[in-house]
N, C-alpha and C. Protein backbone atom coordinates (compact mmCIF):
# COMPACT_ATOMS: atom_id res chain seq x y z
N MET A 1 0.79 -1.18 -0.01
CA MET A 1 0.01 0.03 0.04
C MET A 1 0.90 1.21 0.09
N ALA A 2 0.49 2.25 -0.74
CA ALA A 2 1.33 3.51 -0.88
C ALA A 2 1.08 4.34 0.40
N LEU A 3 2.10 5.06 0.68
CA LEU A 3 2.05 6.04 1.85
C LEU A 3 1.12 7.13 1.39
N SER A 4 0.26 7.54 2.40
CA SER A 4 -0.80 8.54 2.12
C SER A 4 -0.88 9.46 3.40
N PHE A 5 -0.89 10.83 3.16
CA PHE A 5 -0.96 11.78 4.23
C PHE A 5 -2.36 12.34 4.32
N SER A 6 -2.86 12.54 5.55
CA SER A 6 -4.17 13.32 5.56
C SER A 6 -3.95 14.84 5.17
N THR A 7 -4.96 15.45 4.86
CA THR A 7 -4.92 16.89 4.45
C THR A 7 -4.28 17.70 5.51
N ALA A 8 -4.69 17.55 6.82
CA ALA A 8 -4.24 18.32 7.99
C ALA A 8 -2.73 18.05 8.07
N LEU A 9 -2.19 16.91 7.82
CA LEU A 9 -0.72 16.69 7.96
C LEU A 9 -0.03 17.29 6.79
N LYS A 10 -0.55 17.23 5.60
CA LYS A 10 0.00 17.89 4.44
C LYS A 10 0.21 19.35 4.68
N ASN A 11 -0.97 20.00 5.22
CA ASN A 11 -1.01 21.45 5.44
C ASN A 11 0.03 21.79 6.55
N TYR A 12 0.17 20.91 7.54
CA TYR A 12 1.10 21.31 8.60
C TYR A 12 2.56 21.25 8.12
N ILE A 13 2.84 20.23 7.33
CA ILE A 13 4.19 20.15 6.72
C ILE A 13 4.53 21.20 5.80
N VAL A 14 3.56 21.57 5.02
CA VAL A 14 3.79 22.80 4.07
C VAL A 14 3.88 24.14 4.90
N ASN A 15 3.07 24.29 5.84
CA ASN A 15 3.11 25.55 6.62
C ASN A 15 4.27 25.64 7.55
N LYS A 16 4.59 24.58 8.28
CA LYS A 16 5.67 24.65 9.30
C LYS A 16 7.08 24.29 8.77
N ALA A 17 7.10 23.24 7.93
CA ALA A 17 8.40 22.74 7.54
C ALA A 17 8.85 23.38 6.22
N LEU A 18 7.94 23.93 5.51
CA LEU A 18 8.36 24.63 4.23
C LEU A 18 8.19 26.13 4.23
N VAL A 19 6.89 26.48 4.41
CA VAL A 19 6.62 28.00 4.28
C VAL A 19 7.32 28.74 5.45
N GLU A 20 7.23 28.39 6.70
CA GLU A 20 7.93 29.04 7.73
C GLU A 20 9.37 28.90 7.72
N ALA A 21 9.89 27.81 7.38
CA ALA A 21 11.37 27.65 7.22
C ALA A 21 11.82 28.50 6.05
N MET A 22 11.15 28.63 4.97
CA MET A 22 11.66 29.43 3.82
C MET A 22 11.39 30.93 3.92
N ALA A 23 10.20 31.24 4.49
CA ALA A 23 9.82 32.66 4.59
C ALA A 23 9.95 33.26 5.91
N GLY A 24 10.03 32.43 6.97
CA GLY A 24 10.13 32.98 8.35
C GLY A 24 8.81 33.06 8.90
N THR A 25 7.79 33.16 8.20
CA THR A 25 6.39 33.27 8.65
C THR A 25 5.34 32.91 7.54
N CYS A 26 4.17 32.70 7.97
CA CYS A 26 3.06 32.66 6.92
C CYS A 26 2.39 34.02 6.82
N GLY A 27 2.61 34.67 5.71
CA GLY A 27 2.08 36.11 5.54
C GLY A 27 2.83 36.85 4.48
N THR A 28 2.61 38.18 4.45
CA THR A 28 3.15 38.97 3.27
C THR A 28 4.54 39.19 3.41
N GLY A 29 5.15 39.33 4.59
CA GLY A 29 6.63 39.65 4.70
C GLY A 29 7.36 38.27 4.78
N GLY A 30 8.51 38.22 4.16
CA GLY A 30 9.23 36.89 4.23
C GLY A 30 10.73 37.18 4.15
N THR A 31 11.50 36.17 4.41
CA THR A 31 12.93 36.23 4.29
C THR A 31 13.49 35.41 3.17
N ALA A 32 12.72 34.73 2.44
CA ALA A 32 13.10 33.92 1.36
C ALA A 32 13.52 34.95 0.10
N SER A 33 14.47 34.43 -0.75
CA SER A 33 14.72 35.12 -2.03
C SER A 33 14.76 34.11 -3.12
N ILE A 34 14.52 34.61 -4.33
CA ILE A 34 14.58 33.79 -5.46
C ILE A 34 15.69 34.35 -6.38
N SER A 35 16.58 33.48 -6.79
CA SER A 35 17.52 33.86 -7.80
C SER A 35 17.23 33.22 -9.09
N ILE A 36 17.20 33.98 -10.11
CA ILE A 36 16.84 33.56 -11.53
C ILE A 36 18.14 33.43 -12.38
N TYR A 37 18.37 32.35 -12.92
CA TYR A 37 19.68 32.11 -13.72
C TYR A 37 19.29 31.70 -15.17
N SER A 38 20.23 31.98 -16.02
CA SER A 38 20.14 31.42 -17.43
C SER A 38 20.68 29.95 -17.38
N GLY A 39 20.47 29.21 -18.45
CA GLY A 39 21.06 27.90 -18.52
C GLY A 39 20.20 26.78 -17.97
N SER A 40 20.84 25.66 -17.66
CA SER A 40 20.16 24.51 -17.19
C SER A 40 20.18 24.39 -15.63
N GLN A 41 19.12 23.79 -15.11
CA GLN A 41 18.99 23.71 -13.59
C GLN A 41 20.04 22.53 -13.17
N PRO A 42 20.65 22.78 -12.06
CA PRO A 42 21.56 21.73 -11.51
C PRO A 42 20.83 20.46 -11.15
N ALA A 43 21.49 19.41 -10.76
CA ALA A 43 20.88 18.11 -10.44
C ALA A 43 20.08 18.24 -9.14
N ASN A 44 20.39 19.09 -8.20
CA ASN A 44 19.51 19.14 -7.03
C ASN A 44 19.91 20.41 -6.27
N GLY A 45 19.29 20.76 -5.31
CA GLY A 45 19.43 22.01 -4.48
C GLY A 45 20.70 22.02 -3.63
N ASP A 46 21.43 20.91 -3.54
CA ASP A 46 22.69 20.96 -2.86
C ASP A 46 23.85 21.16 -3.77
N ALA A 47 23.57 21.14 -5.12
CA ALA A 47 24.61 21.41 -6.16
C ALA A 47 24.80 22.82 -6.25
N GLY A 48 25.97 23.28 -6.73
CA GLY A 48 26.22 24.59 -7.06
C GLY A 48 25.30 25.20 -8.12
N THR A 49 25.48 26.45 -8.32
CA THR A 49 24.55 27.04 -9.39
C THR A 49 25.19 26.83 -10.73
N SER A 50 24.39 26.93 -11.78
CA SER A 50 24.83 26.90 -13.17
C SER A 50 24.22 28.08 -13.92
N GLY A 51 24.88 28.53 -14.97
CA GLY A 51 24.39 29.67 -15.74
C GLY A 51 24.79 30.95 -15.13
N THR A 52 24.11 31.96 -15.52
CA THR A 52 24.47 33.40 -15.16
C THR A 52 23.29 33.83 -14.26
N LEU A 53 23.68 34.49 -13.14
CA LEU A 53 22.61 35.11 -12.31
C LEU A 53 22.03 36.25 -13.05
N LEU A 54 20.72 36.26 -13.33
CA LEU A 54 20.09 37.44 -13.97
C LEU A 54 19.37 38.38 -13.01
N CYS A 55 18.73 37.85 -11.97
CA CYS A 55 18.04 38.65 -11.06
C CYS A 55 17.82 37.95 -9.72
N THR A 56 17.79 38.76 -8.65
CA THR A 56 17.39 38.25 -7.35
C THR A 56 16.18 39.04 -6.83
N ILE A 57 15.22 38.45 -6.36
CA ILE A 57 14.07 38.97 -5.82
C ILE A 57 13.90 38.54 -4.31
N THR A 58 13.87 39.62 -3.41
CA THR A 58 13.92 39.33 -2.00
C THR A 58 12.57 39.57 -1.33
N GLY A 59 12.52 39.11 -0.03
CA GLY A 59 11.34 39.48 0.83
C GLY A 59 10.07 38.72 0.42
N ILE A 60 10.26 37.41 -0.08
CA ILE A 60 9.10 36.70 -0.53
C ILE A 60 8.47 35.95 0.65
N GLY A 61 7.15 35.97 0.63
CA GLY A 61 6.36 35.18 1.67
C GLY A 61 5.26 34.44 0.94
N TRP A 62 4.72 33.39 1.74
CA TRP A 62 3.65 32.62 1.20
C TRP A 62 2.36 32.73 2.23
N GLY A 63 1.27 32.54 1.76
CA GLY A 63 0.06 32.42 2.54
C GLY A 63 0.00 31.08 3.26
N THR A 64 -0.85 30.91 4.04
CA THR A 64 -1.08 29.63 4.91
C THR A 64 -1.80 28.60 3.97
N SER A 65 -1.32 27.36 4.01
CA SER A 65 -1.97 26.27 3.30
C SER A 65 -3.14 25.92 4.17
N THR A 66 -4.25 25.72 3.51
CA THR A 66 -5.55 25.17 4.21
C THR A 66 -6.04 24.05 3.52
N GLY A 67 -7.14 23.38 4.13
CA GLY A 67 -7.73 22.21 3.65
C GLY A 67 -8.21 22.40 2.24
N ALA A 68 -8.57 23.61 1.87
CA ALA A 68 -9.13 23.90 0.46
C ALA A 68 -8.13 23.56 -0.59
N THR A 69 -6.87 23.92 -0.24
CA THR A 69 -5.75 23.63 -1.20
C THR A 69 -5.00 22.35 -0.90
N SER A 70 -5.32 21.67 0.02
CA SER A 70 -4.70 20.32 0.33
C SER A 70 -3.18 20.27 0.30
N GLY A 71 -2.50 21.09 1.09
CA GLY A 71 -1.12 21.05 1.16
C GLY A 71 -0.38 21.85 0.15
N THR A 72 -1.03 22.95 -0.31
CA THR A 72 -0.31 23.86 -1.21
C THR A 72 -0.41 25.30 -0.71
N ALA A 73 0.63 26.00 -0.64
CA ALA A 73 0.62 27.32 -0.24
C ALA A 73 1.05 28.23 -1.40
N ALA A 74 0.24 29.25 -1.58
CA ALA A 74 0.61 30.25 -2.77
C ALA A 74 1.27 31.44 -2.19
N LEU A 75 1.89 32.26 -3.10
CA LEU A 75 2.50 33.41 -2.62
C LEU A 75 1.58 34.29 -1.75
N ALA A 76 2.12 34.96 -0.81
CA ALA A 76 1.26 35.79 0.10
C ALA A 76 0.79 36.98 -0.61
N SER A 77 1.58 37.58 -1.54
CA SER A 77 1.02 38.76 -2.28
C SER A 77 0.38 38.27 -3.56
N SER A 78 -0.89 38.61 -3.74
CA SER A 78 -1.62 38.21 -5.02
C SER A 78 -1.11 38.95 -6.17
N THR A 79 -0.24 39.96 -6.08
CA THR A 79 0.37 40.70 -7.25
C THR A 79 1.77 40.22 -7.52
N GLY A 80 2.31 39.34 -6.63
CA GLY A 80 3.65 38.81 -6.87
C GLY A 80 4.62 39.68 -6.23
N TYR A 81 5.88 39.45 -6.52
CA TYR A 81 7.17 40.20 -5.96
C TYR A 81 7.94 40.62 -7.20
N GLU A 82 8.71 41.71 -6.97
CA GLU A 82 9.47 42.21 -8.13
C GLU A 82 10.88 42.41 -7.62
N GLY A 83 11.80 42.42 -8.58
CA GLY A 83 13.17 42.65 -8.45
C GLY A 83 13.76 43.35 -9.77
N THR A 84 14.87 43.92 -9.66
CA THR A 84 15.53 44.58 -10.84
C THR A 84 16.63 43.66 -11.29
N ALA A 85 16.63 43.33 -12.57
CA ALA A 85 17.64 42.56 -13.23
C ALA A 85 19.02 43.16 -13.11
N SER A 86 19.96 42.36 -12.86
CA SER A 86 21.41 42.83 -12.78
C SER A 86 22.24 42.41 -14.02
N THR A 87 21.68 41.49 -14.89
CA THR A 87 22.31 41.08 -16.12
C THR A 87 21.29 40.78 -17.15
N SER A 88 21.59 40.88 -18.46
CA SER A 88 20.60 40.45 -19.43
C SER A 88 20.83 38.97 -19.81
N GLY A 89 19.73 38.35 -20.20
CA GLY A 89 19.84 36.91 -20.60
C GLY A 89 18.47 36.30 -20.62
N THR A 90 18.46 34.98 -20.96
CA THR A 90 17.18 34.27 -21.06
C THR A 90 17.16 33.39 -19.78
N ALA A 91 16.00 33.46 -18.95
CA ALA A 91 15.75 32.75 -17.82
C ALA A 91 15.71 31.26 -18.07
N GLY A 92 16.32 30.47 -17.32
CA GLY A 92 16.23 28.96 -17.56
C GLY A 92 15.83 28.20 -16.34
N TRP A 93 16.16 28.67 -15.16
CA TRP A 93 15.78 28.07 -13.92
C TRP A 93 15.92 29.03 -12.71
N ALA A 94 15.42 28.70 -11.59
CA ALA A 94 15.35 29.56 -10.40
C ALA A 94 15.64 28.67 -9.20
N ARG A 95 16.20 29.40 -8.13
CA ARG A 95 16.43 28.82 -6.78
C ARG A 95 15.88 29.73 -5.73
N PHE A 96 14.89 29.20 -4.94
CA PHE A 96 14.52 29.90 -3.73
C PHE A 96 15.56 29.47 -2.65
N GLU A 97 15.89 30.41 -1.76
CA GLU A 97 16.92 30.11 -0.78
C GLU A 97 16.74 30.94 0.42
N THR A 98 16.97 30.34 1.58
CA THR A 98 17.02 31.24 2.82
C THR A 98 18.00 30.49 3.78
N VAL A 99 18.57 31.27 4.69
CA VAL A 99 19.43 30.67 5.59
C VAL A 99 18.70 30.70 6.90
N LYS A 100 18.47 29.58 7.48
CA LYS A 100 17.80 29.40 8.78
C LYS A 100 18.82 29.21 9.89
N THR A 101 18.87 30.21 10.76
CA THR A 101 19.89 30.23 11.75
C THR A 101 19.52 29.46 13.10
N ASP A 102 18.30 29.05 13.22
CA ASP A 102 17.97 28.31 14.45
C ASP A 102 17.66 26.90 14.15
N TYR A 103 18.12 26.30 13.12
CA TYR A 103 17.92 24.96 12.79
C TYR A 103 18.92 24.06 13.51
N ALA A 104 18.41 23.34 14.47
CA ALA A 104 19.32 22.47 15.32
C ALA A 104 20.60 23.20 15.88
N GLY A 105 20.47 24.48 16.18
CA GLY A 105 21.58 25.23 16.70
C GLY A 105 22.67 25.65 15.66
N ASN A 106 22.44 25.31 14.53
CA ASN A 106 23.37 25.61 13.41
C ASN A 106 22.64 26.31 12.27
N ALA A 107 23.50 27.01 11.54
CA ALA A 107 22.90 27.78 10.35
C ALA A 107 22.76 26.64 9.31
N ALA A 108 21.61 26.57 8.52
CA ALA A 108 21.34 25.81 7.46
C ALA A 108 20.76 26.57 6.31
N THR A 109 21.22 26.17 5.08
CA THR A 109 20.84 26.88 3.93
C THR A 109 19.67 25.94 3.26
N PHE A 110 18.48 26.42 3.19
CA PHE A 110 17.41 25.71 2.61
C PHE A 110 17.20 26.19 1.16
N ARG A 111 16.99 25.29 0.23
CA ARG A 111 16.79 25.60 -1.15
C ARG A 111 15.68 24.84 -1.82
N ILE A 112 15.02 25.52 -2.74
CA ILE A 112 14.09 24.85 -3.66
C ILE A 112 14.32 25.33 -5.03
N ASP A 113 14.83 24.35 -5.93
CA ASP A 113 15.04 24.66 -7.32
C ASP A 113 13.84 24.21 -8.19
N GLY A 114 13.74 24.98 -9.32
CA GLY A 114 12.68 24.61 -10.25
C GLY A 114 12.85 25.37 -11.61
N ASN A 115 12.08 24.92 -12.56
CA ASN A 115 12.03 25.61 -13.83
C ASN A 115 11.34 26.94 -13.65
N VAL A 116 11.63 27.90 -14.65
CA VAL A 116 11.10 29.19 -14.60
C VAL A 116 10.61 29.57 -15.97
N GLY A 117 9.60 30.27 -16.07
CA GLY A 117 9.08 30.71 -17.42
C GLY A 117 7.68 31.42 -17.10
N THR A 118 7.05 31.63 -18.35
CA THR A 118 5.77 32.44 -18.34
C THR A 118 4.54 31.46 -18.34
N SER A 119 4.75 30.20 -18.57
CA SER A 119 3.63 29.23 -18.67
C SER A 119 3.19 28.85 -17.19
N SER A 120 1.91 28.60 -17.04
CA SER A 120 1.37 28.18 -15.69
C SER A 120 1.94 26.80 -15.34
N THR A 121 2.52 25.99 -16.25
CA THR A 121 3.01 24.77 -15.95
C THR A 121 4.48 24.80 -15.31
N CYS A 122 5.03 25.95 -15.38
CA CYS A 122 6.41 26.14 -14.76
C CYS A 122 6.32 26.23 -13.27
N THR A 123 7.37 25.77 -12.62
CA THR A 123 7.36 25.77 -11.11
C THR A 123 7.33 27.22 -10.59
N PHE A 124 8.03 28.08 -11.27
CA PHE A 124 8.09 29.54 -10.91
C PHE A 124 7.78 30.29 -12.09
N VAL A 125 6.64 30.98 -12.08
CA VAL A 125 6.14 31.87 -13.22
C VAL A 125 6.50 33.27 -13.01
N ILE A 126 7.16 33.74 -14.09
CA ILE A 126 7.69 35.16 -14.09
C ILE A 126 7.03 35.91 -15.32
N ASN A 127 7.12 37.30 -15.41
CA ASN A 127 6.54 37.95 -16.33
C ASN A 127 7.12 37.80 -17.69
N ALA A 128 8.38 37.51 -17.86
CA ALA A 128 9.07 37.32 -19.13
C ALA A 128 10.43 36.52 -19.02
N VAL A 129 10.74 35.70 -19.97
CA VAL A 129 11.98 34.94 -19.76
C VAL A 129 13.13 35.76 -20.41
N SER A 130 12.86 36.63 -21.34
CA SER A 130 13.90 37.43 -21.83
C SER A 130 14.19 38.61 -20.87
N ILE A 131 15.24 38.62 -20.19
CA ILE A 131 15.43 39.60 -19.11
C ILE A 131 16.54 40.61 -19.51
N THR A 132 16.26 41.82 -19.34
CA THR A 132 17.21 42.95 -19.69
C THR A 132 17.75 43.58 -18.49
N ASN A 133 19.14 43.79 -18.44
CA ASN A 133 19.70 44.51 -17.42
C ASN A 133 19.06 45.84 -17.01
N GLY A 134 18.64 45.96 -15.68
CA GLY A 134 17.88 47.11 -15.20
C GLY A 134 16.43 47.03 -15.40
N GLY A 135 15.96 45.96 -16.07
CA GLY A 135 14.47 45.83 -16.15
C GLY A 135 13.91 45.17 -14.92
N ILE A 136 12.54 45.33 -14.87
CA ILE A 136 11.83 44.75 -13.74
C ILE A 136 11.47 43.33 -14.07
N VAL A 137 11.70 42.42 -13.00
CA VAL A 137 11.34 40.97 -13.26
C VAL A 137 10.34 40.72 -12.06
N SER A 138 9.20 40.24 -12.54
CA SER A 138 8.08 39.84 -11.52
C SER A 138 7.86 38.41 -11.35
N LEU A 139 7.91 37.93 -10.06
CA LEU A 139 7.64 36.60 -9.75
C LEU A 139 6.18 36.68 -9.58
N LEU A 140 5.39 35.92 -10.37
CA LEU A 140 3.91 35.96 -10.39
C LEU A 140 3.30 34.85 -9.52
N THR A 141 3.77 33.64 -9.65
CA THR A 141 3.33 32.49 -8.81
C THR A 141 4.53 31.56 -8.48
N ALA A 142 4.33 30.89 -7.36
CA ALA A 142 5.38 30.04 -7.00
C ALA A 142 4.81 29.17 -5.89
N PRO A 143 3.83 28.34 -6.20
CA PRO A 143 3.20 27.53 -5.16
C PRO A 143 4.22 26.43 -4.59
N ILE A 144 4.13 26.30 -3.27
CA ILE A 144 4.80 25.23 -2.56
C ILE A 144 3.82 24.15 -2.25
N SER A 145 4.07 22.88 -2.77
CA SER A 145 3.00 21.97 -2.65
C SER A 145 3.56 20.59 -2.19
N MET A 146 2.70 19.95 -1.48
CA MET A 146 2.93 18.50 -1.13
C MET A 146 1.80 17.65 -1.58
N ALA A 147 1.94 17.00 -2.61
CA ALA A 147 0.82 16.15 -3.28
C ALA A 147 0.52 15.03 -2.51
């Protein structure tokens, strides 16, 4: 038999272990940042980065996951979050990252990697994949989910 979680447990894991660890809280203000890179995504979140850093968006937060969304938390801001591009290029992947300083008494860097693009099927949806130095990059959606 396959492992199956109740909705309440999925919501708890997303809210406490993911959202609060990544953003510091459930709500509009957060401590997570997303860095958008050109090129191919690394094998996993522990691997170094690949490609060129195009833009970093800071202060990202998520709303609380509830039974209606069954273990999925959406961005806290319905209009998304914005950053200014530092380099021109084509977005290929993105990394959410935060440093958690109270994790078992030691600092830990938590990361979530995923593809980035303008399609709703992308992990991280941004306003445009063609990024211009000095232009505004908007993170529109980035749900954190536990299926």
